């Protein structure tokens, strides 16, 4: 008799589930939104601290961070190809 039981695997054979980077970023964003809403509910009389959060400021920050990341990747690409 042979044992064809597929359940008996070692812990080395069990792979950890792959976590998507995009899903991780979306989860962090949603968690941040929940915390901001919770903060708004708790501190309803101190909301003047969040006056700087406007759509134009958010768009400006996104554009600035995008330009910084683009320049960092271009310089990294340039220096890596210069070595070859």
C-alpha atoms as a PDB file:
ATOM      1  CA  UNK A   1       0.000   0.000   0.000  1.00  0.00           C
ATOM      2  CA  UNK A   2       1.261   3.446  -0.879  1.00  0.00           C
ATOM      3  CA  UNK A   3       0.300   6.652   0.781  1.00  0.00           C
ATOM      4  CA  UNK A   4      -0.998   9.104  -1.844  1.00  0.00           C
ATOM      5  CA  UNK A   5      -2.207  11.602   0.724  1.00  0.00           C
ATOM      6  CA  UNK A   6      -1.644  15.128  -0.637  1.00  0.00           C
ATOM      7  CA  UNK A   7      -2.384  16.737   2.715  1.00  0.00           C
ATOM      8  CA  UNK A   8       0.883  15.643   4.275  1.00  0.00           C
ATOM      9  CA  UNK A   9       3.218  18.395   3.092  1.00  0.00           C
ATOM     10  CA  UNK A  10       6.100  19.946   4.917  1.00  0.00           C
ATOM     11  CA  UNK A  11       6.127  23.557   5.986  1.00  0.00           C
ATOM     12  CA  UNK A  12       8.780  24.264   3.348  1.00  0.00           C
ATOM     13  CA  UNK A  13       6.342  23.286   0.589  1.00  0.00           C
ATOM     14  CA  UNK A  14       3.658  25.711   1.756  1.00  0.00           C
ATOM     15  CA  UNK A  15       4.012  29.019  -0.042  1.00  0.00           C
ATOM     16  CA  UNK A  16       2.993  32.272   1.545  1.00  0.00           C
ATOM     17  CA  UNK A  17       0.226  34.037  -0.370  1.00  0.00           C
ATOM     18  CA  UNK A  18       1.481  36.781  -2.657  1.00  0.00           C
ATOM     19  CA  UNK A  19       0.315  40.229  -1.613  1.00  0.00           C
ATOM     20  CA  UNK A  20      -0.204  42.615  -4.472  1.00  0.00           C
ATOM     21  CA  UNK A  21       1.584  45.953  -4.053  1.00  0.00           C
ATOM     22  CA  UNK A  22      -1.306  47.891  -5.573  1.00  0.00           C
ATOM     23  CA  UNK A  23      -3.753  46.235  -3.184  1.00  0.00           C
ATOM     24  CA  UNK A  24      -1.483  47.143  -0.282  1.00  0.00           C
ATOM     25  CA  UNK A  25      -1.383  50.789  -1.373  1.00  0.00           C
ATOM     26  CA  UNK A  26      -5.158  50.899  -1.798  1.00  0.00           C
ATOM     27  CA  UNK A  27      -5.627  49.398   1.662  1.00  0.00           C
ATOM     28  CA  UNK A  28      -3.332  52.002   3.194  1.00  0.00           C
ATOM     29  CA  UNK A  29      -5.212  54.781   1.410  1.00  0.00           C
ATOM     30  CA  UNK A  30      -8.569  53.503   2.632  1.00  0.00           C
ATOM     31  CA  UNK A  31      -7.200  53.159   6.152  1.00  0.00           C
ATOM     32  CA  UNK A  32      -5.987  56.769   6.030  1.00  0.00           C
ATOM     33  CA  UNK A  33      -9.417  57.934   4.842  1.00  0.00           C
ATOM     34  CA  UNK A  34     -11.086  56.033   7.689  1.00  0.00           C
ATOM     35  CA  UNK A  35      -8.746  57.631  10.221  1.00  0.00           C
ATOM     36  CA  UNK A  36      -9.426  61.104   8.813  1.00  0.00           C
ATOM     37  CA  UNK A  37     -13.177  60.490   9.036  1.00  0.00           C
ATOM     38  CA  UNK A  38     -12.806  59.187  12.572  1.00  0.00           C
ATOM     39  CA  UNK A  39     -10.735  62.232  13.476  1.00  0.00           C
ATOM     40  CA  UNK A  40     -13.392  64.494  11.940  1.00  0.00           C
ATOM     41  CA  UNK A  41     -16.136  62.853  13.978  1.00  0.00           C
ATOM     42  CA  UNK A  42     -14.197  63.041  17.226  1.00  0.00           C
ATOM     43  CA  UNK A  43     -12.770  66.547  16.829  1.00  0.00           C
ATOM     44  CA  UNK A  44     -15.654  68.292  15.097  1.00  0.00           C
ATOM     45  CA  UNK A  45     -14.848  71.638  16.748  1.00  0.00           C
ATOM     46  CA  UNK A  46     -11.144  71.489  15.788  1.00  0.00           C
ATOM     47  CA  UNK A  47     -11.577  70.920  12.044  1.00  0.00           C
ATOM     48  CA  UNK A  48      -9.882  74.210  11.200  1.00  0.00           C
ATOM     49  CA  UNK A  49      -6.610  72.235  11.415  1.00  0.00           C
ATOM     50  CA  UNK A  50      -7.609  70.416   8.208  1.00  0.00           C
ATOM     51  CA  UNK A  51      -8.243  73.567   6.164  1.00  0.00           C
ATOM     52  CA  UNK A  52      -5.084  72.958   4.119  1.00  0.00           C
ATOM     53  CA  UNK A  53      -6.537  69.715   2.718  1.00  0.00           C
ATOM     54  CA  UNK A  54      -8.098  70.920  -0.512  1.00  0.00           C
ATOM     55  CA  UNK A  55      -8.314  69.285  -3.950  1.00  0.00           C
ATOM     56  CA  UNK A  56      -5.838  71.769  -5.420  1.00  0.00           C
ATOM     57  CA  UNK A  57      -3.293  71.117  -2.644  1.00  0.00           C
ATOM     58  CA  UNK A  58      -3.716  67.342  -3.072  1.00  0.00           C
ATOM     59  CA  UNK A  59      -3.241  67.668  -6.850  1.00  0.00           C
ATOM     60  CA  UNK A  60      -0.148  69.832  -6.325  1.00  0.00           C
ATOM     61  CA  UNK A  61       1.385  67.293  -3.940  1.00  0.00           C
ATOM     62  CA  UNK A  62       0.650  64.423  -6.350  1.00  0.00           C
ATOM     63  CA  UNK A  63       2.247  66.302  -9.258  1.00  0.00           C
ATOM     64  CA  UNK A  64       5.323  67.292  -7.225  1.00  0.00           C
ATOM     65  CA  UNK A  65       5.822  63.725  -5.942  1.00  0.00           C
ATOM     66  CA  UNK A  66       5.374  62.390  -9.483  1.00  0.00           C
ATOM     67  CA  UNK A  67       8.022  64.757 -10.840  1.00  0.00           C
ATOM     68  CA  UNK A  68      10.428  63.837  -8.023  1.00  0.00           C
ATOM     69  CA  UNK A  69       9.929  60.102  -8.644  1.00  0.00           C
ATOM     70  CA  UNK A  70      10.346  60.590 -12.395  1.00  0.00           C
ATOM     71  CA  UNK A  71      13.596  62.496 -11.951  1.00  0.00           C
ATOM     72  CA  UNK A  72      14.902  59.886  -9.498  1.00  0.00           C
ATOM     73  CA  UNK A  73      14.141  57.050 -11.925  1.00  0.00           C
ATOM     74  CA  UNK A  74      15.674  58.906 -14.878  1.00  0.00           C
ATOM     75  CA  UNK A  75      18.890  59.575 -12.959  1.00  0.00           C
ATOM     76  CA  UNK A  76      19.014  55.958 -11.741  1.00  0.00           C
ATOM     77  CA  UNK A  77      18.513  54.729 -15.322  1.00  0.00           C
ATOM     78  CA  UNK A  78      21.169  57.116 -16.606  1.00  0.00           C
ATOM     79  CA  UNK A  79      23.796  56.052 -14.059  1.00  0.00           C
ATOM     80  CA  UNK A  80      23.062  52.324 -14.485  1.00  0.00           C
ATOM     81  CA  UNK A  81      23.413  52.533 -18.264  1.00  0.00           C
ATOM     82  CA  UNK A  82      26.548  54.686 -18.007  1.00  0.00           C
ATOM     83  CA  UNK A  83      28.347  51.823 -16.207  1.00  0.00           C
ATOM     84  CA  UNK A  84      27.690  49.382 -19.072  1.00  0.00           C
END
